[in-house]
Protein backbone atom coordinates (compact mmCIF):
# COMPACT_ATOMS: atom_id res chain seq x y z
CA THR A 1 5.59 -10.78 -11.78
CA ASN A 2 3.53 -7.65 -11.30
CA SER A 3 0.41 -5.98 -12.65
CA LEU A 4 2.14 -2.58 -12.84
CA SER A 5 4.56 -3.91 -15.20
CA LEU A 6 1.75 -5.29 -17.29
CA HIS A 7 0.07 -2.14 -17.59
CA VAL A 8 3.15 -0.23 -18.39
CA LEU A 9 3.72 -3.01 -21.31
CA ASP A 10 0.27 -2.59 -22.26
CA ARG A 11 0.63 1.17 -22.76
CA LEU A 12 3.81 0.82 -24.78
CA GLY A 13 1.89 -1.41 -27.43
CA VAL A 14 3.12 -4.66 -26.56
CA LYS A 15 0.59 -7.35 -27.59
CA GLY A 16 1.49 -10.15 -24.96
CA VAL A 17 3.84 -11.40 -22.14
CA ALA A 18 4.80 -14.92 -20.77
CA LEU A 19 4.18 -14.92 -16.84
CA SER A 20 6.83 -16.04 -14.36
CA PRO A 21 6.12 -19.65 -13.54
CA GLU A 22 6.79 -18.72 -10.02
CA LEU A 23 3.19 -17.09 -10.00
CA THR A 24 0.30 -18.72 -8.16
CA LEU A 25 -3.08 -18.81 -9.93
CA LYS A 26 -4.18 -16.51 -7.53
CA GLN A 27 -1.42 -13.94 -8.45
CA ILE A 28 -2.24 -14.40 -12.09
CA SER A 29 -6.22 -13.72 -11.45
CA SER A 30 -5.06 -10.50 -9.73
CA MET A 31 -3.27 -9.39 -13.01
CA ARG A 32 -6.43 -9.85 -15.26
CA LYS A 33 -6.97 -6.07 -16.00
CA VAL A 34 -4.86 -5.87 -18.97
CA LYS A 35 -5.65 -6.43 -22.53
CA LEU A 36 -2.34 -8.00 -23.06
CA LYS A 37 -2.28 -12.06 -24.21
CA VAL A 38 -1.00 -13.46 -21.18
CA GLU A 39 0.77 -17.01 -21.59
CA CYS A 40 2.43 -19.36 -19.04
CA ILE A 41 4.02 -22.48 -19.09
CA ALA A 42 1.60 -25.40 -18.36
CA HIS A 43 3.93 -28.51 -19.32
CA GLY A 44 7.63 -29.35 -19.32
CA PRO A 45 10.48 -29.22 -16.95
CA LEU A 46 11.04 -26.00 -15.52
CA GLU A 47 14.30 -24.05 -15.88
CA LEU A 48 15.90 -23.78 -12.34
CA MET A 49 19.04 -22.19 -13.10
CA VAL A 50 21.47 -20.94 -15.91
CA SER A 51 25.35 -20.86 -15.27
CA GLU A 52 28.09 -19.69 -17.45
CA HIS A 53 30.07 -22.10 -15.67
CA CYS A 54 30.24 -25.41 -17.55
CA VAL A 55 30.22 -28.16 -15.24
CA ALA A 56 30.95 -30.97 -17.84
CA ARG A 57 33.73 -29.21 -19.11
CA SER A 58 35.47 -28.74 -15.62
CA ILE A 59 34.82 -32.03 -14.60
CA LEU A 60 35.55 -34.23 -18.04
CA CYS A 61 38.09 -31.72 -19.58
CA PRO A 62 40.28 -30.39 -16.71
CA GLU A 63 43.24 -29.77 -18.88
CA GLY A 64 41.04 -26.94 -20.24
CA ARG A 65 40.39 -27.90 -23.89
CA CYS A 66 36.68 -28.75 -24.36
CA SER A 67 35.99 -31.74 -26.11
CA ALA A 68 32.23 -30.85 -25.90
CA PRO A 69 31.35 -33.82 -23.74
CA CYS A 70 27.68 -32.32 -23.48
CA LEU A 71 26.91 -33.15 -27.24
CA ASN A 72 26.98 -36.93 -26.74
CA SER A 73 25.85 -37.58 -23.03
CA HIS A 74 23.10 -36.85 -20.58
CA PHE A 75 23.87 -35.14 -17.23
CA TYR A 76 21.89 -34.93 -13.76
CA LEU A 77 22.68 -33.59 -10.58
CA GLU A 78 21.19 -35.79 -7.98
CA ASP A 79 19.99 -34.27 -4.49
CA GLU A 80 20.11 -35.94 -1.06
CA ARG A 81 16.63 -37.46 -1.38
CA GLY A 82 17.67 -39.20 -4.88
CA PHE A 83 15.82 -36.56 -7.19
CA CYS A 84 17.88 -36.41 -10.61
CA PHE A 85 17.70 -32.78 -11.93
CA PRO A 86 18.55 -33.03 -15.95
CA VAL A 87 21.59 -30.83 -16.88
CA VAL A 88 21.52 -29.54 -20.46
CA PHE A 89 23.77 -27.22 -22.18
CA ASP A 90 23.20 -24.76 -25.11
CA GLN A 91 25.08 -23.62 -28.16
CA ASN A 92 26.85 -20.90 -25.91
CA CYS A 93 28.04 -23.78 -23.20
CA ARG A 94 25.80 -21.99 -20.71
CA MET A 95 24.66 -24.94 -18.39
CA HIS A 96 20.60 -25.15 -17.51
CA LEU A 97 19.70 -26.85 -14.61
CA LEU A 98 16.03 -28.18 -14.98
CA ASN A 99 13.55 -29.56 -12.37
CA SER A 100 13.27 -33.24 -11.66
CA ARG A 101 9.76 -33.40 -12.41
CA ASP A 102 7.83 -31.71 -15.32
CA LEU A 103 5.24 -29.11 -14.81
CA CYS A 104 1.78 -30.59 -15.76
CA MET A 105 -1.23 -28.47 -15.69
CA ILE A 106 -3.20 -30.78 -17.80
CA ASP A 107 -6.09 -30.99 -15.14
CA SER A 108 -6.02 -27.31 -14.58
CA LEU A 109 -6.63 -25.78 -18.04
CA ASP A 110 -9.87 -24.48 -16.91
CA ALA A 111 -8.33 -22.63 -13.76
CA LEU A 112 -5.65 -21.40 -15.85
CA ALA A 113 -8.24 -19.66 -18.28
CA GLU A 114 -10.50 -18.59 -15.38
CA ALA A 115 -7.22 -16.89 -13.93
CA GLY A 116 -6.86 -15.10 -17.32
CA VAL A 117 -4.32 -16.94 -18.94
CA ASP A 118 -5.03 -16.93 -22.69
CA VAL A 119 -2.15 -19.12 -24.15
CA VAL A 120 -0.60 -22.12 -22.63
CA ARG A 121 2.92 -23.10 -23.77
CA LEU A 122 4.31 -26.74 -23.58
CA ASP A 123 7.88 -26.77 -23.05
CA CYS A 124 9.40 -29.71 -24.65
CA ARG A 125 12.59 -28.35 -25.84
CA VAL A 126 14.69 -31.24 -24.43
CA LYS A 127 12.35 -34.19 -24.86
CA PRO A 128 12.20 -36.81 -27.54
CA LEU A 129 9.70 -36.62 -30.31
CA SER A 130 7.63 -39.44 -29.12
CA TYR A 131 7.02 -37.58 -25.95
CA VAL A 132 6.43 -34.20 -27.77
CA GLU A 133 3.80 -36.27 -29.78
CA GLU A 134 2.02 -37.59 -26.85
CA VAL A 135 1.98 -34.24 -24.82
CA VAL A 136 0.59 -32.48 -27.52
CA ARG A 137 -2.35 -35.03 -28.34
CA ALA A 138 -2.95 -35.14 -24.62
CA TYR A 139 -3.42 -31.36 -24.25
CA ARG A 140 -5.29 -31.37 -27.58
CA SER A 141 -7.55 -33.90 -26.68
CA VAL A 142 -8.29 -32.17 -23.00
CA LEU A 143 -9.00 -28.82 -25.02
CA ASP A 144 -11.44 -30.62 -26.89
CA GLY A 145 -13.31 -32.03 -23.97
CA GLY A 146 -11.47 -35.25 -23.29
CA ASP A 147 -11.04 -36.34 -19.64
CA ALA A 148 -8.25 -34.51 -18.00
CA LEU A 149 -7.46 -36.98 -15.41
CA HIS A 150 -7.19 -39.73 -18.04
CA PHE A 151 -4.53 -37.89 -19.76
CA LYS A 152 -2.70 -36.91 -16.81
CA LYS A 153 -2.36 -40.50 -15.51
CA ARG A 154 -0.82 -41.31 -19.26
CA LEU A 155 1.50 -37.99 -18.89
CA ARG A 156 2.42 -39.35 -15.80
CA GLY A 157 3.65 -42.42 -17.25
CA LEU A 158 6.04 -40.45 -19.36
CA ALA A 159 7.93 -38.48 -16.63
CA PRO A 160 7.42 -37.74 -12.93
CA ILE A 161 5.01 -34.59 -12.75
CA THR A 162 4.29 -31.68 -10.59
CA ARG A 163 1.85 -28.69 -10.58
CA GLY A 164 4.68 -26.14 -9.87
CA HIS A 165 3.87 -23.09 -7.82
CA PHE A 166 0.22 -22.50 -9.20
CA TYR A 167 -1.24 -23.72 -6.28
CA ARG A 168 1.28 -23.48 -3.24
CA GLY A 169 3.32 -20.61 -4.36
CA VAL A 170 7.12 -20.28 -3.68
CA ALA A 171 8.38 -21.16 -0.31
């Protein structure tokens, strides 16, 4: 998250870095003075937390023997405003809490490029194939000159969206 780290990595021969999604466009822009390829997540549900504690196991398997309830079920944590945050589990039984809204920067691809981002990542790892196809098609169309606002509206129909911290920073 800082330019000093990028300069050190550059001197060590690293070819590229993925920036923290907590950075603003202004902060990203201030790091432009490196030769590294700069990548950032432009779309998808951002990971908010990772925990070694498996909530599904503790609630659904209180006797201690895990029956892998996470394999065939979907879990969410709901906040006081009614937002549902997906909870997914990896092969090591770690719990990953995802944002209730998908990051969507389809209408800000030019701003990302101007800030110094060379590569955008579409994070669709927990999404169904139909979602992945629609997102990739939309971003490809915008990169080829399509109307970003039209595609943003289509993507908003797939899932609630947010612009993350790129414009407002971490509060």
